[in-house]
C-alpha atoms as a PDB file:
ATOM      1  CA  MET A   1     -66.679 -34.691 -62.078  1.00  0.00           C
ATOM      2  CA  LYS A   2     -67.669 -31.879 -59.307  1.00  0.00           C
ATOM      3  CA  VAL A   3     -65.252 -33.686 -56.821  1.00  0.00           C
ATOM      4  CA  TYR A   4     -62.343 -33.306 -59.156  1.00  0.00           C
ATOM      5  CA  VAL A   5     -63.041 -29.601 -59.700  1.00  0.00           C
ATOM      6  CA  LEU A   6     -63.461 -29.026 -55.701  1.00  0.00           C
ATOM      7  CA  ILE A   7     -59.943 -30.859 -55.456  1.00  0.00           C
ATOM      8  CA  PHE A   8     -58.197 -28.834 -58.194  1.00  0.00           C
ATOM      9  CA  VAL A   9     -59.664 -25.734 -56.440  1.00  0.00           C
ATOM     10  CA  LEU A  10     -58.504 -26.688 -53.270  1.00  0.00           C
ATOM     11  CA  VAL A  11     -54.921 -27.345 -54.416  1.00  0.00           C
ATOM     12  CA  PHE A  12     -54.807 -24.471 -56.438  1.00  0.00           C
ATOM     13  CA  SER A  13     -55.738 -22.224 -53.386  1.00  0.00           C
ATOM     14  CA  PHE A  14     -53.156 -24.040 -51.275  1.00  0.00           C
ATOM     15  CA  ILE A  15     -50.346 -23.202 -54.074  1.00  0.00           C
ATOM     16  CA  LEU A  16     -51.514 -19.840 -54.219  1.00  0.00           C
ATOM     17  CA  SER A  17     -51.211 -19.196 -50.372  1.00  0.00           C
ATOM     18  CA  SER A  18     -47.948 -20.788 -50.404  1.00  0.00           C
ATOM     19  CA  CYS A  19     -46.521 -18.329 -53.063  1.00  0.00           C
ATOM     20  CA  ILE A  20     -47.730 -15.567 -51.139  1.00  0.00           C
ATOM     21  CA  ILE A  21     -46.111 -16.699 -48.137  1.00  0.00           C
ATOM     22  CA  THR A  22     -42.871 -17.022 -49.734  1.00  0.00           C
ATOM     23  CA  SER A  23     -43.110 -13.650 -51.121  1.00  0.00           C
ATOM     24  CA  ASN A  24     -43.518 -11.991 -47.808  1.00  0.00           C
ATOM     25  CA  GLU A  25     -40.429 -13.886 -46.423  1.00  0.00           C
ATOM     26  CA  ILE A  26     -38.514 -12.634 -49.356  1.00  0.00           C
ATOM     27  CA  VAL A  27     -39.352  -9.281 -48.291  1.00  0.00           C
ATOM     28  CA  GLU A  28     -38.702  -9.584 -44.866  1.00  0.00           C
ATOM     29  CA  LEU A  29     -35.267 -11.104 -45.949  1.00  0.00           C
ATOM     30  CA  ARG A  30     -34.681  -8.120 -48.029  1.00  0.00           C
ATOM     31  CA  ASN A  31     -35.395  -5.821 -45.041  1.00  0.00           C
ATOM     32  CA  ASP A  32     -33.357  -7.558 -42.833  1.00  0.00           C
ATOM     33  CA  PHE A  33     -30.336  -7.496 -45.522  1.00  0.00           C
ATOM     34  CA  ALA A  34     -30.940  -3.928 -45.842  1.00  0.00           C
ATOM     35  CA  ILE A  35     -30.712  -3.354 -41.953  1.00  0.00           C
ATOM     36  CA  LEU A  36     -27.503  -5.687 -41.781  1.00  0.00           C
ATOM     37  CA  LYS A  37     -25.893  -3.834 -44.671  1.00  0.00           C
ATOM     38  CA  SER A  38     -26.557  -0.449 -42.814  1.00  0.00           C
ATOM     39  CA  GLU A  39     -25.227  -2.073 -39.624  1.00  0.00           C
ATOM     40  CA  ILE A  40     -22.026  -3.097 -41.406  1.00  0.00           C
ATOM     41  CA  ASN A  41     -21.739   0.246 -42.869  1.00  0.00           C
ATOM     42  CA  ILE A  42     -21.767   1.759 -39.668  1.00  0.00           C
ATOM     43  CA  LEU A  43     -19.232  -0.864 -38.045  1.00  0.00           C
ATOM     44  CA  LYS A  44     -16.981   0.217 -40.990  1.00  0.00           C
ATOM     45  CA  ARG A  45     -17.288   3.915 -40.087  1.00  0.00           C
ATOM     46  CA  ASN A  46     -16.582   3.121 -36.371  1.00  0.00           C
ATOM     47  CA  GLN A  47     -13.359   1.210 -37.116  1.00  0.00           C
ATOM     48  CA  ALA A  48     -12.214   4.077 -39.549  1.00  0.00           C
ATOM     49  CA  GLU A  49     -12.573   6.301 -36.464  1.00  0.00           C
ATOM     50  CA  LEU A  50     -10.866   3.727 -34.360  1.00  0.00           C
ATOM     51  CA  ASN A  51      -8.019   3.433 -36.568  1.00  0.00           C
ATOM     52  CA  SER A  52      -7.613   7.223 -36.665  1.00  0.00           C
ATOM     53  CA  LYS A  53      -7.619   7.804 -32.906  1.00  0.00           C
ATOM     54  CA  MET A  54      -5.163   4.775 -32.455  1.00  0.00           C
ATOM     55  CA  ASP A  55      -2.922   6.415 -34.975  1.00  0.00           C
ATOM     56  CA  ILE A  56      -3.056   9.566 -32.948  1.00  0.00           C
ATOM     57  CA  LEU A  57      -2.527   7.531 -29.822  1.00  0.00           C
ATOM     58  CA  ASN A  58       0.712   6.002 -31.465  1.00  0.00           C
ATOM     59  CA  ASN A  59       2.044   9.462 -32.352  1.00  0.00           C
ATOM     60  CA  SER A  60       1.536  10.825 -28.860  1.00  0.00           C
ATOM     61  CA  LEU A  61       3.146   7.830 -27.211  1.00  0.00           C
ATOM     62  CA  GLN A  62       5.911   8.014 -29.496  1.00  0.00           C
ATOM     63  CA  ILE A  63       6.140  11.717 -28.525  1.00  0.00           C
ATOM     64  CA  TYR A  64       6.051  10.791 -24.972  1.00  0.00           C
ATOM     65  CA  THR A  65       8.607   8.101 -25.387  1.00  0.00           C
ATOM     66  CA  GLU A  66      11.104  10.537 -27.044  1.00  0.00           C
ATOM     67  CA  LYS A  67      10.723  13.021 -24.131  1.00  0.00           C
ATOM     68  CA  LEU A  68      10.985  10.512 -21.409  1.00  0.00           C
ATOM     69  CA  GLU A  69      14.766   9.328 -23.167  1.00  0.00           C
ATOM     70  CA  GLU A  70      15.445  12.968 -23.331  1.00  0.00           C
ATOM     71  CA  ASN A  71      14.740  13.483 -19.688  1.00  0.00           C
ATOM     72  CA  LYS A  72      16.323  10.217 -18.769  1.00  0.00           C
ATOM     73  CA  TYR A  73      19.771  11.776 -20.381  1.00  0.00           C
ATOM     74  CA  LYS A  74      19.151  14.967 -18.751  1.00  0.00           C
ATOM     75  CA  MET A  75      19.179  13.003 -15.514  1.00  0.00           C
ATOM     76  CA  SER A  76      22.096  11.128 -16.316  1.00  0.00           C
ATOM     77  CA  ILE A  77      24.150  14.402 -17.109  1.00  0.00           C
ATOM     78  CA  LEU A  78      22.864  16.109 -13.785  1.00  0.00           C
ATOM     79  CA  ALA A  79      23.895  13.125 -11.923  1.00  0.00           C
ATOM     80  CA  GLN A  80      27.282  13.316 -13.383  1.00  0.00           C
ATOM     81  CA  ARG A  81      27.318  16.804 -12.445  1.00  0.00           C
ATOM     82  CA  MET A  82      26.193  16.240  -8.764  1.00  0.00           C
ATOM     83  CA  ASP A  83      29.097  13.810  -8.705  1.00  0.00           C
ATOM     84  CA  ASP A  84      31.785  16.248  -9.832  1.00  0.00           C
ATOM     85  CA  VAL A  85      30.244  18.923  -7.442  1.00  0.00           C
ATOM     86  CA  HIS A  86      30.593  16.304  -4.523  1.00  0.00           C
ATOM     87  CA  SER A  87      34.030  15.321  -5.502  1.00  0.00           C
ATOM     88  CA  SER A  88      35.202  18.876  -5.752  1.00  0.00           C
ATOM     89  CA  LEU A  89      33.536  19.912  -2.417  1.00  0.00           C
ATOM     90  CA  THR A  90      35.018  16.837  -0.862  1.00  0.00           C
ATOM     91  CA  GLN A  91      38.462  17.983  -1.923  1.00  0.00           C
ATOM     92  CA  ARG A  92      38.035  21.564  -0.967  1.00  0.00           C
ATOM     93  CA  MET A  93      36.911  20.066   2.519  1.00  0.00           C
ATOM     94  CA  ASP A  94      40.069  17.948   2.931  1.00  0.00           C
ATOM     95  CA  ILE A  95      42.237  20.832   1.993  1.00  0.00           C
ATOM     96  CA  LEU A  96      40.372  23.281   4.525  1.00  0.00           C
ATOM     97  CA  SER A  97      40.603  20.985   7.498  1.00  0.00           C
ATOM     98  CA  LYS A  98      44.186  20.397   6.865  1.00  0.00           C
ATOM     99  CA  GLN A  99      44.921  23.996   7.177  1.00  0.00           C
ATOM    100  CA  LEU A 100      42.667  24.334  10.433  1.00  0.00           C
ATOM    101  CA  PRO A 101      43.927  23.631  13.948  1.00  0.00           C
ATOM    102  CA  LYS A 102      43.062  20.319  15.495  1.00  0.00           C
ATOM    103  CA  VAL A 103      40.063  20.068  17.207  1.00  0.00           C
ATOM    104  CA  ASP A 104      38.227  17.557  19.387  1.00  0.00           C
ATOM    105  CA  ASN A 105      36.632  15.411  16.918  1.00  0.00           C
ATOM    106  CA  SER A 106      34.198  13.487  19.462  1.00  0.00           C
ATOM    107  CA  ILE A 107      30.639  14.034  18.155  1.00  0.00           C
ATOM    108  CA  LEU A 108      27.202  12.514  19.334  1.00  0.00           C
ATOM    109  CA  PRO A 109      26.538   9.441  17.339  1.00  0.00           C
ATOM    110  CA  LEU A 110      23.548   9.220  14.826  1.00  0.00           C
ATOM    111  CA  PRO A 111      20.030   8.714  16.004  1.00  0.00           C
ATOM    112  CA  THR A 112      19.743   5.275  14.063  1.00  0.00           C
ATOM    113  CA  GLU A 113      23.406   4.327  15.434  1.00  0.00           C
ATOM    114  CA  LEU A 114      22.511   4.968  19.075  1.00  0.00           C
ATOM    115  CA  TYR A 115      18.995   2.809  18.438  1.00  0.00           C
ATOM    116  CA  GLN A 116      21.031   0.225  16.829  1.00  0.00           C
ATOM    117  CA  ILE A 117      23.169  -0.250  19.768  1.00  0.00           C
ATOM    118  CA  ALA A 118      20.113  -0.466  22.390  1.00  0.00           C
ATOM    119  CA  TYR A 119      18.436  -2.967  19.826  1.00  0.00           C
ATOM    120  CA  ASN A 120      21.460  -5.282  19.577  1.00  0.00           C
ATOM    121  CA  ASP A 121      21.537  -5.410  23.331  1.00  0.00           C
ATOM    122  CA  TYR A 122      17.746  -6.074  23.613  1.00  0.00           C
ATOM    123  CA  VAL A 123      17.932  -8.836  21.198  1.00  0.00           C
ATOM    124  CA  LYS A 124      20.681 -10.392  23.140  1.00  0.00           C
ATOM    125  CA  GLY A 125      18.840 -10.181  26.184  1.00  0.00           C
ATOM    126  CA  MET A 126      21.219  -7.621  27.613  1.00  0.00           C
ATOM    127  CA  TYR A 127      18.362  -5.643  29.434  1.00  0.00           C
ATOM    128  CA  ASP A 128      20.309  -3.262  31.828  1.00  0.00           C
ATOM    129  CA  LEU A 129      22.286  -2.205  28.483  1.00  0.00           C
ATOM    130  CA  SER A 130      19.002  -2.031  26.555  1.00  0.00           C
ATOM    131  CA  ILE A 131      17.366  -0.031  28.842  1.00  0.00           C
ATOM    132  CA  ARG A 132      20.272   2.489  29.202  1.00  0.00           C
ATOM    133  CA  GLY A 133      20.731   2.548  25.616  1.00  0.00           C
ATOM    134  CA  PHE A 134      16.935   3.404  24.974  1.00  0.00           C
ATOM    135  CA  ARG A 135      16.790   5.901  27.648  1.00  0.00           C
ATOM    136  CA  ASP A 136      19.739   7.484  26.210  1.00  0.00           C
ATOM    137  CA  TYR A 137      18.141   7.539  22.737  1.00  0.00           C
ATOM    138  CA  LEU A 138      14.953   9.084  24.140  1.00  0.00           C
ATOM    139  CA  ASP A 139      16.617  11.838  25.914  1.00  0.00           C
ATOM    140  CA  LYS A 140      18.729  12.885  23.011  1.00  0.00           C
ATOM    141  CA  TYR A 141      16.123  12.237  20.148  1.00  0.00           C
ATOM    142  CA  PRO A 142      12.817  12.399  21.667  1.00  0.00           C
ATOM    143  CA  ASP A 143      10.779  13.072  18.577  1.00  0.00           C
ATOM    144  CA  SER A 144      12.555  11.005  16.186  1.00  0.00           C
ATOM    145  CA  GLU A 145      10.755   8.769  13.806  1.00  0.00           C
ATOM    146  CA  LEU A 146      12.266   5.706  15.979  1.00  0.00           C
ATOM    147  CA  ALA A 147      11.020   7.109  19.227  1.00  0.00           C
ATOM    148  CA  PRO A 148       7.858   5.016  19.009  1.00  0.00           C
ATOM    149  CA  LYS A 149       9.728   1.835  18.869  1.00  0.00           C
ATOM    150  CA  ALA A 150      12.338   2.881  21.357  1.00  0.00           C
ATOM    151  CA  TYR A 151       9.355   3.229  23.844  1.00  0.00           C
ATOM    152  CA  TYR A 152       7.891  -0.120  22.899  1.00  0.00           C
ATOM    153  CA  TYR A 153      11.394  -1.889  23.538  1.00  0.00           C
ATOM    154  CA  LEU A 154      12.427   0.036  26.752  1.00  0.00           C
ATOM    155  CA  ALA A 155       8.932  -1.001  28.090  1.00  0.00           C
ATOM    156  CA  ASP A 156       9.474  -4.680  27.139  1.00  0.00           C
ATOM    157  CA  SER A 157      13.174  -4.671  28.552  1.00  0.00           C
ATOM    158  CA  TYR A 158      11.611  -3.866  32.179  1.00  0.00           C
ATOM    159  CA  PHE A 159       8.906  -6.401  31.681  1.00  0.00           C
ATOM    160  CA  ALA A 160      11.694  -8.807  30.892  1.00  0.00           C
ATOM    161  CA  LYS A 161      13.386  -7.914  33.952  1.00  0.00           C
ATOM    162  CA  LYS A 162       9.972  -8.342  35.819  1.00  0.00           C
ATOM    163  CA  GLN A 163       9.813  -4.798  36.401  1.00  0.00           C
ATOM    164  CA  TYR A 164       6.384  -4.267  35.885  1.00  0.00           C
ATOM    165  CA  ASN A 165       5.557  -1.006  37.503  1.00  0.00           C
ATOM    166  CA  GLU A 166       8.300   0.642  35.710  1.00  0.00           C
ATOM    167  CA  SER A 167       7.183  -0.905  32.247  1.00  0.00           C
ATOM    168  CA  ILE A 168       3.735   0.263  32.971  1.00  0.00           C
ATOM    169  CA  LYS A 169       5.345   4.043  33.499  1.00  0.00           C
ATOM    170  CA  ILE A 170       6.956   3.642  30.093  1.00  0.00           C
ATOM    171  CA  ILE A 171       3.768   2.567  28.327  1.00  0.00           C
ATOM    172  CA  ASP A 172       1.704   5.014  29.717  1.00  0.00           C
ATOM    173  CA  MET A 173       4.320   7.736  28.570  1.00  0.00           C
ATOM    174  CA  TYR A 174       4.277   6.408  25.151  1.00  0.00           C
ATOM    175  CA  LEU A 175       0.400   6.284  25.025  1.00  0.00           C
ATOM    176  CA  THR A 176       0.208   9.855  26.254  1.00  0.00           C
ATOM    177  CA  LYS A 177       2.653  10.870  23.173  1.00  0.00           C
ATOM    178  CA  TYR A 178       1.544   8.411  20.649  1.00  0.00           C
ATOM    179  CA  SER A 179      -2.085   7.917  20.968  1.00  0.00           C
ATOM    180  CA  LYS A 180      -2.599   7.063  17.414  1.00  0.00           C
ATOM    181  CA  ASP A 181       0.580   5.014  16.926  1.00  0.00           C
ATOM    182  CA  GLU A 182       0.362   1.768  14.907  1.00  0.00           C
ATOM    183  CA  LEU A 183       1.920  -0.042  18.195  1.00  0.00           C
ATOM    184  CA  VAL A 184      -0.679   1.394  20.569  1.00  0.00           C
ATOM    185  CA  SER A 185      -2.486  -1.913  20.756  1.00  0.00           C
ATOM    186  CA  SER A 186       0.562  -3.904  21.627  1.00  0.00           C
ATOM    187  CA  MET A 187       1.365  -1.463  24.224  1.00  0.00           C
ATOM    188  CA  LEU A 188      -2.033  -1.660  25.899  1.00  0.00           C
ATOM    189  CA  TYR A 189      -1.819  -5.421  25.648  1.00  0.00           C
ATOM    190  CA  LYS A 190       1.933  -5.179  27.052  1.00  0.00           C
ATOM    191  CA  LYS A 191       0.089  -3.066  30.005  1.00  0.00           C
ATOM    192  CA  SER A 192      -2.347  -5.622  30.517  1.00  0.00           C
ATOM    193  CA  GLN A 193       0.066  -8.432  31.043  1.00  0.00           C
ATOM    194  CA  CYS A 194       1.812  -6.193  33.519  1.00  0.00           C
ATOM    195  CA  PHE A 195      -1.407  -6.229  35.598  1.00  0.00           C
ATOM    196  CA  ILE A 196      -1.825  -9.818  35.469  1.00  0.00           C
ATOM    197  CA  ASN A 197       1.665 -10.329  36.805  1.00  0.00           C
ATOM    198  CA  LEU A 198       0.872  -7.711  39.404  1.00  0.00           C
ATOM    199  CA  GLY A 199      -2.054  -9.414  40.379  1.00  0.00           C
ATOM    200  CA  TRP A 200      -4.386  -6.994  39.174  1.00  0.00           C
ATOM    201  CA  PRO A 201      -6.826  -8.965  37.042  1.00  0.00           C
ATOM    202  CA  LYS A 202      -9.746  -6.468  37.227  1.00  0.00           C
ATOM    203  CA  GLN A 203      -7.445  -3.558  35.700  1.00  0.00           C
ATOM    204  CA  ALA A 204      -6.140  -6.091  33.267  1.00  0.00           C
ATOM    205  CA  LYS A 205      -9.648  -7.036  31.733  1.00  0.00           C
ATOM    206  CA  GLU A 206     -10.557  -3.575  31.556  1.00  0.00           C
ATOM    207  CA  ILE A 207      -7.504  -3.003  28.980  1.00  0.00           C
ATOM    208  CA  GLN A 208      -8.260  -6.058  27.287  1.00  0.00           C
ATOM    209  CA  ASP A 209     -12.098  -5.184  26.798  1.00  0.00           C
ATOM    210  CA  TYR A 210     -10.822  -2.010  25.491  1.00  0.00           C
ATOM    211  CA  ILE A 211      -8.715  -3.839  22.998  1.00  0.00           C
ATOM    212  CA  LEU A 212     -11.386  -6.084  21.806  1.00  0.00           C
ATOM    213  CA  LYS A 213     -13.616  -3.068  21.327  1.00  0.00           C
ATOM    214  CA  ASN A 214     -11.107  -0.531  19.435  1.00  0.00           C
ATOM    215  CA  TYR A 215      -8.591  -2.733  17.998  1.00  0.00           C
ATOM    216  CA  PRO A 216     -10.645  -6.129  17.045  1.00  0.00           C
ATOM    217  CA  ASN A 217      -8.748  -7.182  14.143  1.00  0.00           C
ATOM    218  CA  SER A 218      -5.321  -6.711  15.985  1.00  0.00           C
ATOM    219  CA  THR A 219      -2.956  -9.918  16.857  1.00  0.00           C
ATOM    220  CA  GLU A 220      -3.204  -8.852  20.513  1.00  0.00           C
ATOM    221  CA  ALA A 221      -7.182  -9.143  19.991  1.00  0.00           C
ATOM    222  CA  GLN A 222      -7.007 -12.447  18.749  1.00  0.00           C
ATOM    223  CA  SER A 223      -4.582 -13.654  21.527  1.00  0.00           C
ATOM    224  CA  ILE A 224      -7.210 -12.163  24.183  1.00  0.00           C
ATOM    225  CA  LYS A 225      -9.621 -14.325  22.444  1.00  0.00           C
ATOM    226  CA  ASP A 226      -7.661 -17.274  22.302  1.00  0.00           C
ATOM    227  CA  THR A 227      -7.147 -17.206  26.212  1.00  0.00           C
ATOM    228  CA  GLN A 228     -10.918 -16.624  26.951  1.00  0.00           C
END
């Protein structure tokens, strides 16, 4: 009989402990639910604020779009007026030129025209003409935007004619005037090639070492590495 009583007590204790655990879990779930509900409310408020900001942004974008269209329209009107002014000015100049006495109309070619003529001769291998053309260009427009390239093609024209000393002179003139130009590494390499062809390997190596040190990522540096 005592055994049955003991078993009953043990079973009852187990059931009671199970009920206590379940109750604790329910409390934890309620707390978790309350926290989750609070976080959801915060997200809703954030979403509302975001929607409000998006509305403001859309309104601002609409205003900017309208202003942009207005500016485009004004620019179109301005362009039309400029065309009208140009046309009117051209007509007036034509009338004025007819009233003036005849004069010598010979003028210097534009820098780009003179440069292009010399460059076309260079491309065709007509180096005597390209030398004359680039020298003429540099005499007339020594500080132009294309002057550095004119020096480059002039030096290369002398190089192609195997006039290495003349090529070196042009390169030195260029390096003195354009020490920071993008063609410096190319001109230095061309100078080293002149020294090689003149039989001066020591001077050529000094220049090539300088290129490797100061212009390591240039195509000229790569060419030097390939030949070493």
